[in-house]
C-alpha atoms as a PDB file:
ATOM      1  CA  UNK A   1       0.278   6.721  20.288  1.00  0.00           C
ATOM      2  CA  UNK A   2      -2.573   6.811  17.700  1.00  0.00           C
ATOM      3  CA  UNK A   3      -2.492   5.412  14.188  1.00  0.00           C
ATOM      4  CA  UNK A   4      -4.573   7.263  11.413  1.00  0.00           C
ATOM      5  CA  UNK A   5      -4.925   5.467   7.899  1.00  0.00           C
ATOM      6  CA  UNK A   6      -6.248   7.238   4.927  1.00  0.00           C
ATOM      7  CA  UNK A   7      -7.650   4.950   2.302  1.00  0.00           C
ATOM      8  CA  UNK A   8      -9.880   5.363  -0.972  1.00  0.00           C
ATOM      9  CA  UNK A   9     -12.150   3.198  -2.586  1.00  0.00           C
ATOM     10  CA  UNK A  10     -10.484   3.905  -5.907  1.00  0.00           C
ATOM     11  CA  UNK A  11      -7.208   5.495  -7.075  1.00  0.00           C
ATOM     12  CA  UNK A  12      -7.120   9.282  -8.046  1.00  0.00           C
ATOM     13  CA  UNK A  13      -9.189  10.507  -5.481  1.00  0.00           C
ATOM     14  CA  UNK A  14      -6.594  12.763  -3.978  1.00  0.00           C
ATOM     15  CA  UNK A  15      -5.727  10.585  -0.952  1.00  0.00           C
ATOM     16  CA  UNK A  16      -1.931  11.165  -1.286  1.00  0.00           C
ATOM     17  CA  UNK A  17      -2.230  14.991  -1.519  1.00  0.00           C
ATOM     18  CA  UNK A  18      -4.475  14.907   1.826  1.00  0.00           C
ATOM     19  CA  UNK A  19      -1.663  12.672   3.479  1.00  0.00           C
ATOM     20  CA  UNK A  20       0.916  15.231   2.640  1.00  0.00           C
ATOM     21  CA  UNK A  21      -0.851  17.951   3.865  1.00  0.00           C
ATOM     22  CA  UNK A  22      -1.646  16.210   7.332  1.00  0.00           C
ATOM     23  CA  UNK A  23       2.225  15.628   7.288  1.00  0.00           C
ATOM     24  CA  UNK A  24       2.812  19.314   7.259  1.00  0.00           C
ATOM     25  CA  UNK A  25       0.240  20.005   9.749  1.00  0.00           C
ATOM     26  CA  UNK A  26       1.087  17.477  12.321  1.00  0.00           C
ATOM     27  CA  UNK A  27       4.645  18.200  12.941  1.00  0.00           C
ATOM     28  CA  UNK A  28       4.885  15.189  15.161  1.00  0.00           C
ATOM     29  CA  UNK A  29       4.255  12.087  13.297  1.00  0.00           C
ATOM     30  CA  UNK A  30       5.967   9.173  11.783  1.00  0.00           C
ATOM     31  CA  UNK A  31       4.697   8.713   8.122  1.00  0.00           C
ATOM     32  CA  UNK A  32       4.157   5.138   6.077  1.00  0.00           C
ATOM     33  CA  UNK A  33       3.114   4.971   2.556  1.00  0.00           C
ATOM     34  CA  UNK A  34       1.429   1.578   2.311  1.00  0.00           C
ATOM     35  CA  UNK A  35       0.402   1.828  -1.323  1.00  0.00           C
ATOM     36  CA  UNK A  36       3.415  -0.313  -2.186  1.00  0.00           C
ATOM     37  CA  UNK A  37       2.032  -1.311  -5.573  1.00  0.00           C
ATOM     38  CA  UNK A  38       2.290   2.292  -6.826  1.00  0.00           C
ATOM     39  CA  UNK A  39       3.703   4.509  -4.088  1.00  0.00           C
ATOM     40  CA  UNK A  40       3.805   8.163  -4.673  1.00  0.00           C
ATOM     41  CA  UNK A  41       3.941   9.911  -1.487  1.00  0.00           C
ATOM     42  CA  UNK A  42       7.678  10.271  -1.797  1.00  0.00           C
ATOM     43  CA  UNK A  43       7.109  12.485  -4.908  1.00  0.00           C
ATOM     44  CA  UNK A  44       5.684  15.505  -2.605  1.00  0.00           C
ATOM     45  CA  UNK A  45       7.608  14.696   0.232  1.00  0.00           C
ATOM     46  CA  UNK A  46      11.183  14.321  -1.454  1.00  0.00           C
ATOM     47  CA  UNK A  47      12.670  12.007   1.050  1.00  0.00           C
ATOM     48  CA  UNK A  48      16.249  11.076   1.749  1.00  0.00           C
ATOM     49  CA  UNK A  49      16.705   7.486   1.988  1.00  0.00           C
ATOM     50  CA  UNK A  50      18.687   6.179   4.942  1.00  0.00           C
ATOM     51  CA  UNK A  51      18.186   2.524   4.732  1.00  0.00           C
ATOM     52  CA  UNK A  52      17.070   0.058   2.020  1.00  0.00           C
ATOM     53  CA  UNK A  53      16.274  -3.616   2.802  1.00  0.00           C
ATOM     54  CA  UNK A  54      15.192  -6.358   0.393  1.00  0.00           C
ATOM     55  CA  UNK A  55      11.785  -7.923   0.941  1.00  0.00           C
ATOM     56  CA  UNK A  56      11.102 -11.581   0.655  1.00  0.00           C
ATOM     57  CA  UNK A  57       7.330 -12.574   0.654  1.00  0.00           C
ATOM     58  CA  UNK A  58       8.064 -16.277  -0.014  1.00  0.00           C
ATOM     59  CA  UNK A  59      10.212 -19.139  -1.441  1.00  0.00           C
ATOM     60  CA  UNK A  60      10.704 -20.100  -4.863  1.00  0.00           C
ATOM     61  CA  UNK A  61      12.194 -23.475  -6.326  1.00  0.00           C
ATOM     62  CA  UNK A  62      15.129 -23.474  -8.674  1.00  0.00           C
ATOM     63  CA  UNK A  63      16.753 -26.692 -10.198  1.00  0.00           C
ATOM     64  CA  UNK A  64      20.370 -27.427 -10.002  1.00  0.00           C
ATOM     65  CA  UNK A  65      21.072 -28.187 -13.590  1.00  0.00           C
ATOM     66  CA  UNK A  66      24.524 -30.073 -12.769  1.00  0.00           C
ATOM     67  CA  UNK A  67      22.234 -32.397 -10.451  1.00  0.00           C
ATOM     68  CA  UNK A  68      19.254 -32.934 -12.578  1.00  0.00           C
ATOM     69  CA  UNK A  69      18.829 -36.396 -13.762  1.00  0.00           C
ATOM     70  CA  UNK A  70      15.952 -35.494 -16.146  1.00  0.00           C
ATOM     71  CA  UNK A  71      13.432 -37.991 -14.717  1.00  0.00           C
ATOM     72  CA  UNK A  72      10.615 -35.595 -15.224  1.00  0.00           C
ATOM     73  CA  UNK A  73       8.994 -36.108 -11.784  1.00  0.00           C
ATOM     74  CA  UNK A  74       9.008 -32.623 -10.740  1.00  0.00           C
ATOM     75  CA  UNK A  75       7.299 -31.722 -14.163  1.00  0.00           C
ATOM     76  CA  UNK A  76       4.646 -34.583 -13.580  1.00  0.00           C
ATOM     77  CA  UNK A  77       3.828 -33.285 -10.248  1.00  0.00           C
ATOM     78  CA  UNK A  78       3.630 -29.406 -10.900  1.00  0.00           C
ATOM     79  CA  UNK A  79       0.263 -28.236 -10.989  1.00  0.00           C
ATOM     80  CA  UNK A  80       1.074 -24.526 -12.176  1.00  0.00           C
ATOM     81  CA  UNK A  81       2.991 -25.699 -15.451  1.00  0.00           C
ATOM     82  CA  UNK A  82       6.224 -24.045 -14.055  1.00  0.00           C
ATOM     83  CA  UNK A  83       8.736 -26.773 -15.053  1.00  0.00           C
ATOM     84  CA  UNK A  84      10.207 -26.531 -18.538  1.00  0.00           C
ATOM     85  CA  UNK A  85      12.461 -28.954 -20.516  1.00  0.00           C
ATOM     86  CA  UNK A  86      14.928 -26.296 -21.867  1.00  0.00           C
ATOM     87  CA  UNK A  87      17.571 -26.099 -19.473  1.00  0.00           C
ATOM     88  CA  UNK A  88      21.381 -26.716 -19.921  1.00  0.00           C
ATOM     89  CA  UNK A  89      22.837 -30.129 -20.750  1.00  0.00           C
ATOM     90  CA  UNK A  90      24.920 -31.719 -18.203  1.00  0.00           C
ATOM     91  CA  UNK A  91      26.913 -35.278 -17.883  1.00  0.00           C
ATOM     92  CA  UNK A  92      23.706 -37.332 -17.686  1.00  0.00           C
ATOM     93  CA  UNK A  93      21.195 -35.829 -20.070  1.00  0.00           C
ATOM     94  CA  UNK A  94      20.987 -33.696 -23.132  1.00  0.00           C
ATOM     95  CA  UNK A  95      18.435 -31.263 -21.715  1.00  0.00           C
ATOM     96  CA  UNK A  96      17.603 -30.556 -18.161  1.00  0.00           C
ATOM     97  CA  UNK A  97      14.603 -28.990 -16.364  1.00  0.00           C
ATOM     98  CA  UNK A  98      14.337 -25.697 -15.287  1.00  0.00           C
ATOM     99  CA  UNK A  99      11.807 -23.691 -13.255  1.00  0.00           C
ATOM    100  CA  UNK A 100       9.834 -20.956 -14.838  1.00  0.00           C
ATOM    101  CA  UNK A 101      10.067 -18.272 -11.990  1.00  0.00           C
ATOM    102  CA  UNK A 102       6.887 -16.414 -13.223  1.00  0.00           C
ATOM    103  CA  UNK A 103       4.503 -19.539 -13.082  1.00  0.00           C
ATOM    104  CA  UNK A 104       6.263 -20.785  -9.950  1.00  0.00           C
ATOM    105  CA  UNK A 105       3.762 -20.505  -6.905  1.00  0.00           C
ATOM    106  CA  UNK A 106       6.415 -21.590  -4.278  1.00  0.00           C
ATOM    107  CA  UNK A 107       4.503 -24.643  -3.228  1.00  0.00           C
ATOM    108  CA  UNK A 108       7.523 -26.809  -2.566  1.00  0.00           C
ATOM    109  CA  UNK A 109       6.148 -30.200  -3.976  1.00  0.00           C
ATOM    110  CA  UNK A 110       9.039 -30.461  -6.582  1.00  0.00           C
ATOM    111  CA  UNK A 111      11.396 -30.023  -3.704  1.00  0.00           C
ATOM    112  CA  UNK A 112       9.894 -32.825  -1.590  1.00  0.00           C
ATOM    113  CA  UNK A 113       9.598 -35.252  -4.438  1.00  0.00           C
ATOM    114  CA  UNK A 114      13.014 -34.756  -6.284  1.00  0.00           C
ATOM    115  CA  UNK A 115      14.934 -38.223  -6.210  1.00  0.00           C
ATOM    116  CA  UNK A 116      18.151 -36.495  -7.125  1.00  0.00           C
ATOM    117  CA  UNK A 117      18.052 -33.519  -4.544  1.00  0.00           C
ATOM    118  CA  UNK A 118      18.450 -31.089  -7.300  1.00  0.00           C
ATOM    119  CA  UNK A 119      16.159 -28.527  -6.623  1.00  0.00           C
ATOM    120  CA  UNK A 120      16.790 -25.618  -4.164  1.00  0.00           C
ATOM    121  CA  UNK A 121      14.120 -23.655  -2.335  1.00  0.00           C
ATOM    122  CA  UNK A 122      15.260 -20.245  -1.536  1.00  0.00           C
ATOM    123  CA  UNK A 123      13.982 -16.893  -0.616  1.00  0.00           C
ATOM    124  CA  UNK A 124      12.392 -14.687  -3.405  1.00  0.00           C
ATOM    125  CA  UNK A 125      13.075 -11.072  -3.494  1.00  0.00           C
ATOM    126  CA  UNK A 126       9.912  -9.295  -4.290  1.00  0.00           C
ATOM    127  CA  UNK A 127      10.797  -5.808  -3.489  1.00  0.00           C
ATOM    128  CA  UNK A 128      12.450  -3.167  -1.316  1.00  0.00           C
ATOM    129  CA  UNK A 129      11.387  -1.157   1.648  1.00  0.00           C
ATOM    130  CA  UNK A 130      13.060   2.067   2.718  1.00  0.00           C
ATOM    131  CA  UNK A 131      13.433   4.203   6.044  1.00  0.00           C
ATOM    132  CA  UNK A 132      13.517   7.797   4.905  1.00  0.00           C
ATOM    133  CA  UNK A 133      13.873  11.361   6.201  1.00  0.00           C
ATOM    134  CA  UNK A 134      11.488  13.821   5.191  1.00  0.00           C
ATOM    135  CA  UNK A 135      10.932  17.568   6.176  1.00  0.00           C
ATOM    136  CA  UNK A 136       8.297  16.577   8.157  1.00  0.00           C
ATOM    137  CA  UNK A 137      10.025  13.532   9.858  1.00  0.00           C
ATOM    138  CA  UNK A 138      10.652   9.809   9.329  1.00  0.00           C
ATOM    139  CA  UNK A 139       8.964   7.926   6.540  1.00  0.00           C
ATOM    140  CA  UNK A 140       8.682   4.267   5.905  1.00  0.00           C
ATOM    141  CA  UNK A 141       7.751   3.266   2.417  1.00  0.00           C
ATOM    142  CA  UNK A 142       8.241   0.629  -0.160  1.00  0.00           C
ATOM    143  CA  UNK A 143       8.181  -0.674  -3.662  1.00  0.00           C
ATOM    144  CA  UNK A 144       7.056  -4.002  -4.838  1.00  0.00           C
ATOM    145  CA  UNK A 145       8.808  -5.500  -7.933  1.00  0.00           C
ATOM    146  CA  UNK A 146       6.830  -5.643 -11.091  1.00  0.00           C
ATOM    147  CA  UNK A 147       4.248  -8.429 -11.153  1.00  0.00           C
ATOM    148  CA  UNK A 148       5.173  -9.557  -7.794  1.00  0.00           C
ATOM    149  CA  UNK A 149       2.828 -10.790  -4.986  1.00  0.00           C
ATOM    150  CA  UNK A 150       2.563 -10.801  -1.128  1.00  0.00           C
ATOM    151  CA  UNK A 151       1.744  -6.896  -1.195  1.00  0.00           C
ATOM    152  CA  UNK A 152      -0.402  -7.584   2.072  1.00  0.00           C
ATOM    153  CA  UNK A 153       2.833  -8.961   3.715  1.00  0.00           C
ATOM    154  CA  UNK A 154       4.754  -6.056   2.590  1.00  0.00           C
ATOM    155  CA  UNK A 155       2.297  -3.696   3.864  1.00  0.00           C
ATOM    156  CA  UNK A 156       2.501  -5.537   7.390  1.00  0.00           C
ATOM    157  CA  UNK A 157       6.222  -5.156   7.340  1.00  0.00           C
ATOM    158  CA  UNK A 158       6.058  -1.425   6.682  1.00  0.00           C
ATOM    159  CA  UNK A 159       3.440  -0.508   9.422  1.00  0.00           C
ATOM    160  CA  UNK A 160       5.242  -2.718  12.031  1.00  0.00           C
ATOM    161  CA  UNK A 161       8.584  -0.771  11.188  1.00  0.00           C
ATOM    162  CA  UNK A 162       6.771   2.355  11.568  1.00  0.00           C
ATOM    163  CA  UNK A 163       5.313   1.674  14.732  1.00  0.00           C
ATOM    164  CA  UNK A 164       8.708   0.625  15.941  1.00  0.00           C
ATOM    165  CA  UNK A 165      10.220   3.950  14.931  1.00  0.00           C
ATOM    166  CA  UNK A 166       7.625   5.866  16.505  1.00  0.00           C
ATOM    167  CA  UNK A 167       8.184   4.074  19.838  1.00  0.00           C
ATOM    168  CA  UNK A 168      11.606   4.837  19.575  1.00  0.00           C
ATOM    169  CA  UNK A 169      11.074   8.342  18.659  1.00  0.00           C
ATOM    170  CA  UNK A 170       8.246   8.781  21.215  1.00  0.00           C
ATOM    171  CA  UNK A 171       6.109  10.274  18.596  1.00  0.00           C
ATOM    172  CA  UNK A 172       2.418  10.144  19.302  1.00  0.00           C
ATOM    173  CA  UNK A 173       0.930  10.022  15.854  1.00  0.00           C
ATOM    174  CA  UNK A 174       1.427   7.794  12.845  1.00  0.00           C
ATOM    175  CA  UNK A 175      -0.057   8.582   9.519  1.00  0.00           C
ATOM    176  CA  UNK A 176      -0.357   6.050   7.071  1.00  0.00           C
ATOM    177  CA  UNK A 177      -1.254   6.532   3.420  1.00  0.00           C
ATOM    178  CA  UNK A 178      -3.018   3.268   2.536  1.00  0.00           C
ATOM    179  CA  UNK A 179      -3.902   1.659  -0.910  1.00  0.00           C
ATOM    180  CA  UNK A 180      -6.916   2.128  -2.966  1.00  0.00           C
ATOM    181  CA  UNK A 181      -9.260  -0.743  -3.280  1.00  0.00           C
ATOM    182  CA  UNK A 182     -10.531  -3.438  -1.062  1.00  0.00           C
ATOM    183  CA  UNK A 183      -7.814  -5.945  -1.718  1.00  0.00           C
ATOM    184  CA  UNK A 184      -5.186  -7.439   0.696  1.00  0.00           C
ATOM    185  CA  UNK A 185      -2.915  -4.220   0.834  1.00  0.00           C
ATOM    186  CA  UNK A 186      -6.118  -2.308   2.318  1.00  0.00           C
ATOM    187  CA  UNK A 187      -6.767  -4.932   4.818  1.00  0.00           C
ATOM    188  CA  UNK A 188      -3.041  -5.142   5.841  1.00  0.00           C
ATOM    189  CA  UNK A 189      -3.294  -1.094   6.326  1.00  0.00           C
ATOM    190  CA  UNK A 190      -6.103  -0.641   8.273  1.00  0.00           C
ATOM    191  CA  UNK A 191      -6.255  -3.577  10.738  1.00  0.00           C
ATOM    192  CA  UNK A 192      -5.629  -2.326  14.214  1.00  0.00           C
ATOM    193  CA  UNK A 193      -5.430   1.225  13.507  1.00  0.00           C
ATOM    194  CA  UNK A 194      -7.313   3.718  15.616  1.00  0.00           C
ATOM    195  CA  UNK A 195      -8.963   5.738  12.962  1.00  0.00           C
ATOM    196  CA  UNK A 196      -9.705   5.404   9.200  1.00  0.00           C
ATOM    197  CA  UNK A 197     -10.392   8.486   6.857  1.00  0.00           C
ATOM    198  CA  UNK A 198     -11.955   7.578   3.624  1.00  0.00           C
ATOM    199  CA  UNK A 199     -11.272   9.842   0.673  1.00  0.00           C
ATOM    200  CA  UNK A 200     -13.898   9.900  -1.922  1.00  0.00           C
ATOM    201  CA  UNK A 201     -15.004  12.050  -4.975  1.00  0.00           C
ATOM    202  CA  UNK A 202     -18.548  12.881  -6.099  1.00  0.00           C
ATOM    203  CA  UNK A 203     -18.838  10.824  -9.090  1.00  0.00           C
ATOM    204  CA  UNK A 204     -20.838   7.511  -9.413  1.00  0.00           C
ATOM    205  CA  UNK A 205     -17.811   5.513  -9.346  1.00  0.00           C
ATOM    206  CA  UNK A 206     -16.676   7.055  -6.360  1.00  0.00           C
ATOM    207  CA  UNK A 207     -19.720   6.751  -4.687  1.00  0.00           C
ATOM    208  CA  UNK A 208     -19.906   3.133  -5.447  1.00  0.00           C
ATOM    209  CA  UNK A 209     -16.245   2.346  -4.373  1.00  0.00           C
ATOM    210  CA  UNK A 210     -17.140   4.374  -1.115  1.00  0.00           C
ATOM    211  CA  UNK A 211     -19.545   1.864  -0.375  1.00  0.00           C
ATOM    212  CA  UNK A 212     -17.364  -1.111  -0.870  1.00  0.00           C
ATOM    213  CA  UNK A 213     -14.423   0.360   1.249  1.00  0.00           C
ATOM    214  CA  UNK A 214     -16.945   1.272   4.062  1.00  0.00           C
ATOM    215  CA  UNK A 215     -18.074  -2.344   4.277  1.00  0.00           C
ATOM    216  CA  UNK A 216     -14.832  -3.433   4.446  1.00  0.00           C
ATOM    217  CA  UNK A 217     -13.770  -1.344   7.340  1.00  0.00           C
ATOM    218  CA  UNK A 218     -17.179  -2.028   9.074  1.00  0.00           C
ATOM    219  CA  UNK A 219     -16.378  -5.743   8.773  1.00  0.00           C
ATOM    220  CA  UNK A 220     -13.118  -5.070  10.739  1.00  0.00           C
ATOM    221  CA  UNK A 221     -15.090  -2.837  13.359  1.00  0.00           C
ATOM    222  CA  UNK A 222     -12.966   0.092  12.290  1.00  0.00           C
ATOM    223  CA  UNK A 223     -13.935   3.509  13.524  1.00  0.00           C
ATOM    224  CA  UNK A 224     -14.552   5.377  10.023  1.00  0.00           C
ATOM    225  CA  UNK A 225     -14.609   9.060   8.741  1.00  0.00           C
ATOM    226  CA  UNK A 226     -15.429  10.454   5.079  1.00  0.00           C
ATOM    227  CA  UNK A 227     -13.855  13.505   3.538  1.00  0.00           C
ATOM    228  CA  UNK A 228     -15.525  14.320  -0.158  1.00  0.00           C
ATOM    229  CA  UNK A 229     -12.784  15.806  -2.283  1.00  0.00           C
ATOM    230  CA  UNK A 230     -13.503  18.205  -4.911  1.00  0.00           C
ATOM    231  CA  UNK A 231     -17.044  17.962  -4.116  1.00  0.00           C
ATOM    232  CA  UNK A 232     -18.014  21.491  -6.057  1.00  0.00           C
ATOM    233  CA  UNK A 233     -17.552  19.631  -9.226  1.00  0.00           C
ATOM    234  CA  UNK A 234     -20.683  17.787  -8.634  1.00  0.00           C
ATOM    235  CA  UNK A 235     -22.646  19.236  -5.614  1.00  0.00           C
ATOM    236  CA  UNK A 236     -25.603  16.739  -6.182  1.00  0.00           C
ATOM    237  CA  UNK A 237     -23.443  13.623  -6.008  1.00  0.00           C
ATOM    238  CA  UNK A 238     -21.826  15.006  -3.066  1.00  0.00           C
ATOM    239  CA  UNK A 239     -25.170  15.414  -1.332  1.00  0.00           C
ATOM    240  CA  UNK A 240     -25.870  11.608  -2.312  1.00  0.00           C
ATOM    241  CA  UNK A 241     -22.711  10.521  -0.564  1.00  0.00           C
ATOM    242  CA  UNK A 242     -23.233  12.549   2.368  1.00  0.00           C
ATOM    243  CA  UNK A 243     -26.792  11.068   2.882  1.00  0.00           C
ATOM    244  CA  UNK A 244     -25.360   7.648   2.184  1.00  0.00           C
ATOM    245  CA  UNK A 245     -22.828   8.089   4.606  1.00  0.00           C
ATOM    246  CA  UNK A 246     -25.337   9.128   7.257  1.00  0.00           C
ATOM    247  CA  UNK A 247     -27.411   6.263   6.694  1.00  0.00           C
ATOM    248  CA  UNK A 248     -24.430   3.984   7.566  1.00  0.00           C
ATOM    249  CA  UNK A 249     -23.727   6.228  10.613  1.00  0.00           C
ATOM    250  CA  UNK A 250     -20.331   7.423   8.979  1.00  0.00           C
ATOM    251  CA  UNK A 251     -19.782  11.216   9.476  1.00  0.00           C
ATOM    252  CA  UNK A 252     -18.419  13.384   6.934  1.00  0.00           C
ATOM    253  CA  UNK A 253     -15.884  15.364   8.267  1.00  0.00           C
ATOM    254  CA  UNK A 254     -14.501  17.404   5.422  1.00  0.00           C
ATOM    255  CA  UNK A 255     -15.431  18.732   1.972  1.00  0.00           C
ATOM    256  CA  UNK A 256     -12.547  19.874  -0.271  1.00  0.00           C
ATOM    257  CA  UNK A 257     -12.949  22.209  -3.129  1.00  0.00           C
ATOM    258  CA  UNK A 258     -11.245  21.715  -6.545  1.00  0.00           C
ATOM    259  CA  UNK A 259      -8.644  23.927  -6.941  1.00  0.00           C
ATOM    260  CA  UNK A 260      -5.792  23.787  -9.621  1.00  0.00           C
ATOM    261  CA  UNK A 261      -3.403  24.763  -6.679  1.00  0.00           C
ATOM    262  CA  UNK A 262      -2.993  21.264  -5.669  1.00  0.00           C
ATOM    263  CA  UNK A 263      -1.345  20.252  -9.237  1.00  0.00           C
ATOM    264  CA  UNK A 264       0.807  23.106  -8.948  1.00  0.00           C
ATOM    265  CA  UNK A 265       1.856  22.414  -5.400  1.00  0.00           C
ATOM    266  CA  UNK A 266       2.523  18.570  -6.724  1.00  0.00           C
ATOM    267  CA  UNK A 267       4.935  20.017  -9.421  1.00  0.00           C
ATOM    268  CA  UNK A 268       6.905  21.801  -6.833  1.00  0.00           C
ATOM    269  CA  UNK A 269       7.224  19.035  -4.549  1.00  0.00           C
ATOM    270  CA  UNK A 270       4.811  20.710  -1.883  1.00  0.00           C
ATOM    271  CA  UNK A 271       2.003  19.713   0.089  1.00  0.00           C
ATOM    272  CA  UNK A 272      -0.884  22.188  -0.442  1.00  0.00           C
ATOM    273  CA  UNK A 273      -0.674  23.568   2.965  1.00  0.00           C
ATOM    274  CA  UNK A 274       2.870  24.765   2.384  1.00  0.00           C
ATOM    275  CA  UNK A 275       2.200  26.062  -1.178  1.00  0.00           C
ATOM    276  CA  UNK A 276      -0.782  28.219  -0.194  1.00  0.00           C
ATOM    277  CA  UNK A 277      -2.541  29.637   2.867  1.00  0.00           C
ATOM    278  CA  UNK A 278      -6.100  30.227   1.469  1.00  0.00           C
ATOM    279  CA  UNK A 279      -8.795  28.183  -0.455  1.00  0.00           C
ATOM    280  CA  UNK A 280      -8.420  24.446  -0.638  1.00  0.00           C
ATOM    281  CA  UNK A 281      -5.565  24.795   1.870  1.00  0.00           C
ATOM    282  CA  UNK A 282      -8.299  26.033   4.604  1.00  0.00           C
ATOM    283  CA  UNK A 283     -10.582  23.175   3.522  1.00  0.00           C
ATOM    284  CA  UNK A 284      -7.720  20.736   4.667  1.00  0.00           C
ATOM    285  CA  UNK A 285      -6.979  22.304   7.629  1.00  0.00           C
ATOM    286  CA  UNK A 286     -10.545  22.204   8.938  1.00  0.00           C
ATOM    287  CA  UNK A 287     -10.538  18.437   7.752  1.00  0.00           C
ATOM    288  CA  UNK A 288      -7.422  17.999   9.706  1.00  0.00           C
ATOM    289  CA  UNK A 289      -8.863  19.795  12.993  1.00  0.00           C
ATOM    290  CA  UNK A 290     -11.927  17.404  12.702  1.00  0.00           C
ATOM    291  CA  UNK A 291      -9.645  14.247  12.229  1.00  0.00           C
ATOM    292  CA  UNK A 292      -7.528  15.092  15.089  1.00  0.00           C
ATOM    293  CA  UNK A 293     -10.535  15.644  17.325  1.00  0.00           C
ATOM    294  CA  UNK A 294     -11.975  12.424  16.298  1.00  0.00           C
ATOM    295  CA  UNK A 295      -8.609  10.816  17.237  1.00  0.00           C
ATOM    296  CA  UNK A 296      -8.696  12.147  20.741  1.00  0.00           C
END
């Protein structure tokens, strides 16, 4: 079983459109959308959710108002200014302390030092993850809650579940739509993968962000390929990107032309290879052939 992860140094390069096309061309893969902060592969693949599970990336303190004695010890010890004196009254005090859930970092100091044993420390629900069926097979995807953290843990969970399903279904390929950038979700997306495909665009920011994400992948010893999307909008910059990639011993395995058909395909909830057989679809088919050859 092989695992291909498609990432980009920045958002908006066309990474997800390419992954959707790969899903249509593979016909034997399990899919994972690891862009848990802003997942959008489902917009093209239109999956039917079969299983929904809450995700807890950590724990959070919560003061039991009925047991609070108003001693202020928790507020004195909290380094994150998460303890507020505006909770409801009880039989002991006119105001009790409460934990601000946004400020709380889950360090557990208040729990350990509360003399009244009035602070709970429970799992915090940070989002949800899903197992769905698409017209191209099973997909695992997730949604991190607004302003929630631990996206790296959620990505790890999505990949772990995807591998389990692939083994169970005896599939020989996993295609992962990774996160843009170089942060924790990207690291969690690529670690241990068989091949990383970086999608970039012929702009100065695209060139710069490609350099950053290529360095990240190199730091983990990952085999890397590059695809230049919309290369014909700025051929000179596309040439610079290709030259920079060669200096890093990274092969450019695809150049994809700009085509409004991709937008039309997205509106129709189709991958580009389903929507049309020519033009940009041919470019992506060539890219897919080169990628599968590299996977072996």
